[in-house]
Protein backbone atom coordinates (compact mmCIF):
# COMPACT_ATOMS: atom_id res chain seq x y z
CA UNK A 1 79.34 186.56 108.89
CA UNK A 2 76.58 184.56 107.63
CA UNK A 3 76.12 181.08 106.48
CA UNK A 4 74.72 179.43 103.02
CA UNK A 5 72.06 178.51 105.13
CA UNK A 6 70.83 182.01 106.71
CA UNK A 7 69.25 182.82 103.51
CA UNK A 8 69.12 180.47 100.46
CA UNK A 9 65.68 181.58 98.70
CA UNK A 10 63.17 184.64 98.29
CA UNK A 11 60.77 182.81 100.52
CA UNK A 12 63.33 183.72 103.51
CA UNK A 13 62.90 187.08 103.14
CA UNK A 14 59.32 186.89 104.22
CA UNK A 15 60.15 185.76 107.61
CA UNK A 16 63.55 187.71 108.52
CA UNK A 17 62.75 189.00 112.08
CA UNK A 18 62.63 192.82 112.16
CA UNK A 19 64.33 194.98 114.33
CA UNK A 20 63.69 194.45 118.14
CA UNK A 21 61.76 191.05 117.49
CA UNK A 22 62.74 188.65 120.60
CA UNK A 23 64.02 185.74 119.76
CA UNK A 24 62.22 184.23 122.85
CA UNK A 25 59.08 183.87 120.59
CA UNK A 26 61.07 181.21 118.43
CA UNK A 27 60.59 178.30 120.78
CA UNK A 28 57.03 178.47 121.26
CA UNK A 29 56.65 178.43 117.87
CA UNK A 30 58.83 175.31 117.52
CA UNK A 31 56.69 174.11 120.50
CA UNK A 32 53.54 174.37 118.70
CA UNK A 33 54.84 171.94 115.85
CA UNK A 34 56.55 169.18 118.43
CA UNK A 35 53.53 169.25 120.84
CA UNK A 36 50.96 168.36 117.84
CA UNK A 37 53.60 165.56 116.02
CA UNK A 38 54.69 164.51 119.36
CA UNK A 39 51.13 162.85 119.62
CA UNK A 40 52.96 159.53 118.02
CA UNK A 41 54.43 158.93 121.37
CA UNK A 42 50.85 158.18 122.75
CA UNK A 43 50.01 155.42 119.83
CA UNK A 44 50.17 153.02 122.56
CA UNK A 45 46.68 154.19 124.02
CA UNK A 46 45.42 153.29 120.29
CA UNK A 47 47.06 149.83 120.34
CA UNK A 48 44.17 147.79 122.06
CA UNK A 49 41.34 149.27 120.91
CA UNK A 50 42.92 148.66 117.48
CA UNK A 51 43.89 144.82 118.42
CA UNK A 52 40.34 144.21 119.26
CA UNK A 53 38.16 146.22 116.79
CA UNK A 54 40.48 144.77 114.22
CA UNK A 55 41.51 141.42 115.26
CA UNK A 56 45.46 142.38 115.04
CA UNK A 57 48.31 141.26 117.03
CA UNK A 58 50.23 143.79 119.34
CA UNK A 59 53.20 143.20 116.44
CA UNK A 60 50.33 144.05 113.98
CA UNK A 61 49.36 146.87 116.00
CA UNK A 62 52.33 148.51 116.07
CA UNK A 63 53.15 148.68 112.15
CA UNK A 64 51.59 152.17 111.75
CA UNK A 65 53.58 153.71 114.61
CA UNK A 66 57.05 151.99 113.07
CA UNK A 67 56.41 152.98 109.84
CA UNK A 68 55.90 156.58 111.07
CA UNK A 69 59.16 156.80 112.61
CA UNK A 70 60.84 155.17 109.66
CA UNK A 71 59.56 157.33 107.23
CA UNK A 72 60.55 160.04 110.20
CA UNK A 73 63.96 159.44 109.76
CA UNK A 74 63.89 159.23 105.82
CA UNK A 75 61.93 162.24 105.34
CA UNK A 76 64.33 164.00 107.87
CA UNK A 77 67.49 162.78 105.87
CA UNK A 78 66.23 163.59 102.42
CA UNK A 79 64.65 166.22 102.93
CA UNK A 80 67.12 167.95 105.57
CA UNK A 81 68.84 169.99 102.88
CA UNK A 82 65.76 171.26 101.47
CA UNK A 83 64.18 172.12 104.65
CA UNK A 84 67.75 174.40 105.05
CA UNK A 85 67.16 175.91 101.50
CA UNK A 86 63.10 176.90 101.93
CA UNK A 87 63.34 177.38 105.77
CA UNK A 88 61.34 176.80 108.67
CA UNK A 89 57.78 178.40 107.77
CA UNK A 90 57.68 176.10 104.36
CA UNK A 91 59.21 173.09 106.40
CA UNK A 92 56.18 173.71 109.06
CA UNK A 93 53.70 174.21 106.60
CA UNK A 94 54.71 170.76 104.95
CA UNK A 95 54.67 168.98 108.31
CA UNK A 96 51.01 170.49 109.28
CA UNK A 97 49.45 169.13 105.74
CA UNK A 98 51.24 165.78 106.14
CA UNK A 99 50.65 164.98 109.69
CA UNK A 100 46.95 166.52 109.91
CA UNK A 101 46.28 164.38 106.37
CA UNK A 102 47.38 161.32 107.93
CA UNK A 103 45.18 161.45 110.89
CA UNK A 104 42.30 162.03 108.66
CA UNK A 105 43.64 159.14 106.03
CA UNK A 106 43.26 157.02 109.40
CA UNK A 107 40.19 158.19 110.51
CA UNK A 108 38.60 156.85 106.86
CA UNK A 109 40.51 153.43 107.31
CA UNK A 110 39.19 152.83 110.51
CA UNK A 111 35.62 153.74 109.22
CA UNK A 112 35.84 151.58 106.58
CA UNK A 113 37.85 148.80 108.48
CA UNK A 114 40.95 149.04 106.11
CA UNK A 115 43.91 148.43 108.48
CA UNK A 116 45.99 149.21 105.63
CA UNK A 117 44.81 152.60 105.18
CA UNK A 118 45.64 153.59 108.84
CA UNK A 119 49.20 152.11 108.17
CA UNK A 120 49.53 154.39 105.41
CA UNK A 121 47.87 157.34 106.64
CA UNK A 122 49.26 157.51 110.05
CA UNK A 123 52.37 155.43 109.07
CA UNK A 124 53.54 156.83 105.56
CA UNK A 125 51.88 160.31 105.16
CA UNK A 126 52.00 161.61 108.59
CA UNK A 127 55.59 160.01 108.93
CA UNK A 128 56.34 162.29 106.07
CA UNK A 129 54.67 165.27 108.66
CA UNK A 130 57.06 163.77 111.54
CA UNK A 131 60.17 164.15 109.66
CA UNK A 132 59.84 167.54 108.18
CA UNK A 133 58.18 169.18 111.43
CA UNK A 134 61.05 167.63 113.72
CA UNK A 135 63.65 168.87 112.07
CA UNK A 136 62.27 172.19 110.82
CA UNK A 137 62.91 174.66 113.97
CA UNK A 138 66.55 172.93 114.72
CA UNK A 139 69.03 175.26 112.87
CA UNK A 140 66.99 178.17 113.33
CA UNK A 141 66.92 177.70 117.14
CA UNK A 142 70.57 177.04 117.11
CA UNK A 143 70.91 180.35 114.97
CA UNK A 144 69.07 182.13 117.45
CA UNK A 145 70.78 180.67 120.47
CA UNK A 146 74.45 180.09 119.61
CA UNK A 147 75.29 180.97 123.13
CA UNK A 148 72.83 178.20 124.58
CA UNK A 149 72.28 175.33 121.53
CA UNK A 150 71.60 172.81 124.13
CA UNK A 151 68.92 174.68 125.81
CA UNK A 152 67.25 176.00 123.04
CA UNK A 153 67.06 172.90 121.09
CA UNK A 154 65.66 171.11 124.37
CA UNK A 155 63.01 173.52 124.29
CA UNK A 156 61.84 172.53 120.74
CA UNK A 157 62.46 169.03 120.98
CA UNK A 158 60.88 168.81 124.71
CA UNK A 159 57.61 169.58 122.62
CA UNK A 160 57.85 166.35 120.96
CA UNK A 161 58.67 164.35 123.94
CA UNK A 162 55.62 166.00 125.87
CA UNK A 163 53.40 165.65 123.13
CA UNK A 164 51.82 162.21 124.66
CA UNK A 165 51.39 164.22 128.09
CA UNK A 166 48.57 165.74 126.34
CA UNK A 167 47.64 162.97 123.57
CA UNK A 168 47.57 159.85 125.87
CA UNK A 169 44.61 161.32 128.36
CA UNK A 170 43.02 163.46 125.22
CA UNK A 171 42.93 160.22 123.32
CA UNK A 172 41.49 158.06 125.84
CA UNK A 173 38.86 160.51 126.89
CA UNK A 174 37.82 160.81 122.80
CA UNK A 175 37.73 156.77 122.79
CA UNK A 176 35.56 156.89 126.01
CA UNK A 177 33.55 159.25 124.52
CA UNK A 178 33.02 157.97 120.77
CA UNK A 179 33.64 154.29 121.83
CA UNK A 180 36.57 151.87 121.04
CA UNK A 181 35.18 150.16 118.32
CA UNK A 182 35.83 151.03 114.71
CA UNK A 183 33.52 153.89 114.41
CA UNK A 184 34.88 155.66 117.44
CA UNK A 185 38.42 155.01 116.75
CA UNK A 186 37.71 156.60 113.40
CA UNK A 187 36.00 159.64 115.28
CA UNK A 188 39.03 159.98 117.57
CA UNK A 189 41.42 160.12 114.82
CA UNK A 190 39.05 162.78 113.28
CA UNK A 191 38.73 165.09 115.65
CA UNK A 192 42.53 164.76 116.30
CA UNK A 193 43.50 165.72 112.66
CA UNK A 194 41.78 168.77 112.68
CA UNK A 195 42.31 170.11 116.28
CA UNK A 196 46.29 169.49 115.72
CA UNK A 197 46.00 171.37 112.20
CA UNK A 198 44.63 174.52 114.10
CA UNK A 199 47.38 173.99 116.80
CA UNK A 200 50.29 173.80 114.31
CA UNK A 201 49.30 176.70 112.39
CA UNK A 202 50.15 178.92 115.32
CA UNK A 203 53.75 177.96 114.65
CA UNK A 204 53.62 178.57 111.30
CA UNK A 205 52.52 182.35 111.45
CA UNK A 206 55.09 183.08 114.23
CA UNK A 207 58.49 181.79 113.20
CA UNK A 208 61.19 183.96 112.35
CA UNK A 209 64.66 183.56 111.02
CA UNK A 210 67.15 185.98 112.60
CA UNK A 211 68.88 188.59 110.27
CA UNK A 212 72.20 188.12 108.17
CA UNK A 213 75.07 188.44 110.84
CA UNK A 214 72.86 188.52 113.70
CA UNK A 215 74.24 187.49 117.17
CA UNK A 216 72.91 187.99 120.95
CA UNK A 217 73.98 191.65 122.62
CA UNK A 218 77.48 191.07 124.21
CA UNK A 219 77.86 187.33 122.94
CA UNK A 220 81.11 186.75 120.88
CA UNK A 221 82.00 182.83 119.66
CA UNK A 222 84.62 181.59 121.38
CA UNK A 223 88.06 180.72 120.01
CA UNK A 224 88.65 177.87 122.42
CA UNK A 225 88.27 174.17 121.56
CA UNK A 226 87.33 172.19 124.27
CA UNK A 227 84.69 169.16 125.08
CA UNK A 228 85.02 168.21 121.19
CA UNK A 229 83.91 171.92 120.47
CA UNK A 230 85.28 172.81 117.18
CA UNK A 231 85.27 176.35 115.54
CA UNK A 232 84.83 174.77 111.86
CA UNK A 233 82.34 174.12 109.61
CA UNK A 234 81.88 170.55 107.99
CA UNK A 235 79.18 170.32 104.95
CA UNK A 236 76.69 167.64 105.14
CA UNK A 237 78.16 165.88 102.04
CA UNK A 238 81.50 165.75 104.05
CA UNK A 239 79.71 164.97 107.61
CA UNK A 240 78.54 161.51 106.93
CA UNK A 241 82.34 160.56 105.73
CA UNK A 242 83.49 160.92 109.19
CA UNK A 243 83.68 158.19 111.93
CA UNK A 244 82.25 161.08 114.19
CA UNK A 245 79.10 160.69 112.38
CA UNK A 246 78.70 157.22 112.24
CA UNK A 247 79.80 156.64 115.75
CA UNK A 248 77.22 159.16 116.95
CA UNK A 249 74.72 157.37 114.72
CA UNK A 250 75.35 154.26 116.58
CA UNK A 251 74.99 156.26 119.68
CA UNK A 252 71.57 157.69 118.80
CA UNK A 253 70.21 154.47 117.67
CA UNK A 254 70.99 152.57 120.30
CA UNK A 255 69.56 155.31 122.77
CA UNK A 256 66.43 155.31 120.81
CA UNK A 257 65.94 151.55 120.34
CA UNK A 258 66.17 151.07 124.26
CA UNK A 259 63.87 153.84 125.16
CA UNK A 260 61.29 153.33 122.22
CA UNK A 261 60.89 149.80 123.28
CA UNK A 262 59.34 150.98 126.44
CA UNK A 263 57.44 153.92 125.47
CA UNK A 264 55.71 152.07 122.11
CA UNK A 265 54.56 149.22 124.50
CA UNK A 266 53.99 151.04 127.89
CA UNK A 267 50.70 150.51 128.01
CA UNK A 268 50.37 147.08 127.59
CA UNK A 269 53.51 146.29 129.49
CA UNK A 270 52.89 148.00 132.73
CA UNK A 271 49.76 145.83 132.58
CA UNK A 272 51.49 142.66 131.98
CA UNK A 273 53.89 143.28 135.09
CA UNK A 274 51.29 143.55 137.53
CA UNK A 275 48.36 141.45 136.04
CA UNK A 276 49.11 138.66 138.36
CA UNK A 277 49.85 140.85 141.35
CA UNK A 278 46.84 141.74 144.06
CA UNK A 279 46.81 145.20 142.34
CA UNK A 280 46.40 144.97 138.79
CA UNK A 281 46.85 147.93 136.40
CA UNK A 282 43.39 148.88 134.79
CA UNK A 283 43.16 150.74 131.06
CA UNK A 284 42.80 154.48 132.60
CA UNK A 285 45.84 153.47 134.84
CA UNK A 286 48.12 152.54 132.38
CA UNK A 287 47.20 155.81 130.04
CA UNK A 288 48.21 157.54 132.96
CA UNK A 289 51.42 155.68 133.12
CA UNK A 290 52.07 156.52 129.45
CA UNK A 291 51.35 160.25 130.32
CA UNK A 292 53.78 159.92 133.26
CA UNK A 293 56.46 158.29 130.78
CA UNK A 294 55.80 161.62 128.46
CA UNK A 295 56.39 163.68 131.35
CA UNK A 296 59.47 162.37 131.82
CA UNK A 297 60.70 162.33 128.07
CA UNK A 298 59.54 165.91 127.98
CA UNK A 299 61.28 167.05 131.29
CA UNK A 300 64.57 165.09 130.19
CA UNK A 301 64.75 167.12 126.86
CA UNK A 302 65.13 170.41 128.72
CA UNK A 303 66.70 169.66 131.63
CA UNK A 304 69.73 167.31 130.54
CA UNK A 305 70.18 169.08 127.16
CA UNK A 306 70.59 171.88 129.51
CA UNK A 307 73.19 170.21 131.38
CA UNK A 308 75.21 169.36 128.49
CA UNK A 309 75.76 173.01 127.85
CA UNK A 310 77.63 172.91 131.02
CA UNK A 311 79.27 169.68 131.36
CA UNK A 312 79.53 168.56 127.61
CA UNK A 313 77.86 166.41 125.26
CA UNK A 314 80.03 163.45 125.49
CA UNK A 315 79.60 163.44 129.30
CA UNK A 316 76.06 163.96 129.25
CA UNK A 317 75.60 160.61 126.75
CA UNK A 318 77.79 158.87 129.28
CA UNK A 319 75.37 159.20 131.64
CA UNK A 320 72.52 158.64 129.11
CA UNK A 321 73.93 155.19 128.02
CA UNK A 322 75.64 154.00 131.56
CA UNK A 323 73.15 155.34 133.95
CA UNK A 324 70.63 154.19 131.33
CA UNK A 325 71.86 150.51 131.57
CA UNK A 326 71.81 150.37 135.03
CA UNK A 327 68.29 151.72 135.19
CA UNK A 328 67.07 148.96 132.91
CA UNK A 329 68.58 146.41 135.40
CA UNK A 330 66.44 148.03 138.19
CA UNK A 331 63.14 147.70 136.08
CA UNK A 332 64.36 144.00 135.04
CA UNK A 333 65.48 142.62 138.67
CA UNK A 334 63.16 144.28 141.03
CA UNK A 335 60.73 146.51 139.04
CA UNK A 336 58.19 143.11 139.06
CA UNK A 337 57.89 143.33 142.57
CA UNK A 338 57.21 147.08 143.07
CA UNK A 339 55.42 149.58 141.13
CA UNK A 340 57.00 152.77 142.63
CA UNK A 341 60.93 151.18 141.35
CA UNK A 342 59.00 150.00 138.03
CA UNK A 343 57.63 153.54 137.50
CA UNK A 344 61.07 155.20 138.57
CA UNK A 345 62.98 153.13 136.61
CA UNK A 346 61.13 153.63 133.30
CA UNK A 347 60.74 157.43 133.95
CA UNK A 348 64.80 157.42 134.17
CA UNK A 349 64.87 155.80 130.99
CA UNK A 350 62.63 157.94 129.47
CA UNK A 351 64.07 160.74 130.25
CA UNK A 352 67.40 159.86 128.86
CA UNK A 353 65.87 158.77 125.70
CA UNK A 354 64.33 162.56 125.53
CA UNK A 355 67.31 163.79 126.32
CA UNK A 356 69.68 162.13 124.27
CA UNK A 357 66.91 163.52 121.05
CA UNK A 358 67.61 166.86 122.61
CA UNK A 359 71.13 166.88 123.21
CA UNK A 360 72.31 165.60 119.69
CA UNK A 361 71.73 168.72 117.62
CA UNK A 362 74.19 170.23 119.68
CA UNK A 363 76.32 167.66 119.58
CA UNK A 364 76.49 167.70 116.04
CA UNK A 365 77.21 171.75 116.12
CA UNK A 366 79.58 170.81 118.43
CA UNK A 367 81.32 168.16 115.86
CA UNK A 368 80.62 169.82 112.31
CA UNK A 369 80.15 173.72 113.07
CA UNK A 370 76.36 175.51 112.28
CA UNK A 371 76.72 175.23 108.52
CA UNK A 372 73.96 172.53 106.93
CA UNK A 373 73.70 171.51 110.90
CA UNK A 374 69.95 170.81 110.19
CA UNK A 375 70.70 168.63 107.08
CA UNK A 376 73.10 166.87 108.96
CA UNK A 377 70.95 166.06 111.72
CA UNK A 378 68.15 165.16 109.16
CA UNK A 379 70.84 162.47 108.07
CA UNK A 380 71.66 161.26 111.39
CA UNK A 381 67.99 160.97 112.06
CA UNK A 382 67.77 157.44 109.86
CA UNK A 383 69.37 155.96 113.33
CA UNK A 384 65.70 156.77 114.66
CA UNK A 385 64.42 154.98 111.69
CA UNK A 386 66.12 151.91 112.36
CA UNK A 387 65.20 152.14 115.92
CA UNK A 388 61.78 152.91 115.60
CA UNK A 389 61.63 149.31 113.75
CA UNK A 390 64.14 147.55 115.96
CA UNK A 391 62.77 148.64 119.54
CA UNK A 392 59.21 147.93 118.97
CA UNK A 393 60.00 144.80 117.10
CA UNK A 394 61.93 143.30 119.47
CA UNK A 395 59.52 143.98 122.29
CA UNK A 396 56.40 142.72 120.79
CA UNK A 397 57.53 140.06 118.86
CA UNK A 398 59.49 138.58 121.77
CA UNK A 399 56.47 139.34 124.14
CA UNK A 400 53.77 137.75 121.48
CA UNK A 401 56.08 134.62 121.08
CA UNK A 402 56.21 134.32 125.00
CA UNK A 403 52.19 134.47 124.84
CA UNK A 404 52.27 131.58 122.37
CA UNK A 405 54.62 129.52 124.95
CA UNK A 406 52.00 130.25 127.87
CA UNK A 407 54.21 132.95 129.32
CA UNK A 408 52.43 135.79 131.59
CA UNK A 409 53.56 138.86 133.38
CA UNK A 410 56.91 140.10 133.56
CA UNK A 411 58.84 137.06 132.03
CA UNK A 412 57.31 137.77 128.70
CA UNK A 413 59.92 140.95 128.93
CA UNK A 414 63.17 138.88 130.19
CA UNK A 415 64.83 138.55 126.64
CA UNK A 416 64.00 142.30 125.53
CA UNK A 417 65.28 143.60 128.20
CA UNK A 418 68.76 141.76 128.21
CA UNK A 419 69.05 143.05 124.68
CA UNK A 420 68.51 146.62 125.42
CA UNK A 421 70.95 146.85 128.45
CA UNK A 422 73.40 144.99 125.77
CA UNK A 423 72.69 147.82 123.18
CA UNK A 424 73.22 150.45 125.60
CA UNK A 425 76.54 148.95 126.77
CA UNK A 426 77.80 149.06 123.10
CA UNK A 427 76.40 152.59 122.21
CA UNK A 428 78.50 153.73 125.56
CA UNK A 429 81.47 152.45 124.03
CA UNK A 430 80.75 154.26 120.58
CA UNK A 431 80.18 157.42 122.31
CA UNK A 432 83.89 156.88 124.12
CA UNK A 433 85.67 156.58 120.56
CA UNK A 434 84.42 160.16 119.38
CA UNK A 435 87.31 162.61 118.65
CA UNK A 436 87.32 166.07 117.39
CA UNK A 437 86.85 166.13 113.30
CA UNK A 438 89.81 165.81 111.31
CA UNK A 439 90.92 168.93 109.55
CA UNK A 440 90.81 167.70 105.84
CA UNK A 441 86.91 167.52 106.43
CA UNK A 442 86.59 171.04 107.36
CA UNK A 443 85.03 173.60 104.99
CA UNK A 444 87.66 175.83 103.45
CA UNK A 445 87.17 179.91 104.51
CA UNK A 446 87.26 180.88 100.74
CA UNK A 447 84.03 179.23 100.09
CA UNK A 448 81.19 181.81 99.72
CA UNK A 449 79.26 182.03 102.98
CA UNK A 450 75.89 183.60 100.97
CA UNK A 451 74.27 182.08 98.22
CA UNK A 452 71.86 184.97 97.55
CA UNK A 453 72.41 187.63 94.64
CA UNK A 454 73.15 190.99 95.96
CA UNK A 455 74.24 189.52 99.40
CA UNK A 456 78.12 190.18 100.32
CA UNK A 457 79.83 186.90 101.08
């Protein structure tokens, strides 16, 4: 049986996979989009030159990134149902246009010395591209890989986490070539906007959806309900009325807040931590640290989400939140005296941060079924919008206040680290409260499964 989101518009018929199409071509299509929009995670490399060239604070230089994450969540929430209806190719095209345009507008803003244009271009316009692009392949991958949903979504969302692994050294090199003044920043934005547009086009052309009723050879849906896995579907409208949705919203929000607080401030943070030691961190080494965190973020998305197919989603989030809190304690207490421990703790936190993103679509599928899972995922990403503001704001505002008081080094981050540990503990408790969805929210079997004229239900 197909679902209402398998085929919803004539545009879908143009991207249905022909007989013999390999489902393993879909993850690379998703990766081409996510590796590009994952550039957002390298924003901290732009912070120092922007702060110096435009005379803005650390809090001010975080605004484009914060607005981009806000728009990511909002566009995913409001556009999720439309993405389900119009299909992945349409969504990827919208993402390409918005994300690349955002970089080009930012280039204009840097050239003119108009910081508000960078905030608008990168944050607002580019943020819409982030949101639509982020959710564009999720439901398609789950339908192609119903036997391994955690692994499948991990493949795609791995790209978003790994985007900075490419963007961080590339941005550093472009800024070295063009300069770190306004003109150099503008040229860097310009080149990135053009190159990413070409790269994302590959995904647009390659993506396909499975034919109606398709399933992997030899695989049959399980009727056994274990580890919170439900065989029933819940609509997006009903899903947001369940306590499970909001408990998972808290889990995602607090896990993201804890990770993004380090990620957005990564380059300045590692510099501050070891500024007064015998081995201070250079700008190039700080950019390398951002790349290392990106690698951990990327690896966690595929490794931990694949593990969740084995141990279950709830157990996986127990690890993300519980062990994540302990990793924060490690960085806070002994990381300031040891670079290896600082880097190791930060890598663990970022791997759990990325793994949480990659695992959540499969968690949603387990709780609410595959019907409108993309739309439900989009609504859940409003948690990312909140975390995208809260995480950087907590870390930057507290650090800026500390600098005004004359504080230096690790003491700039004492309070913010304590807050992050507390949030992870609260998220752990929220995950413990998640139970199977009540039957009253289940979609009734008599509802039509296909909404296309001429197609049987």
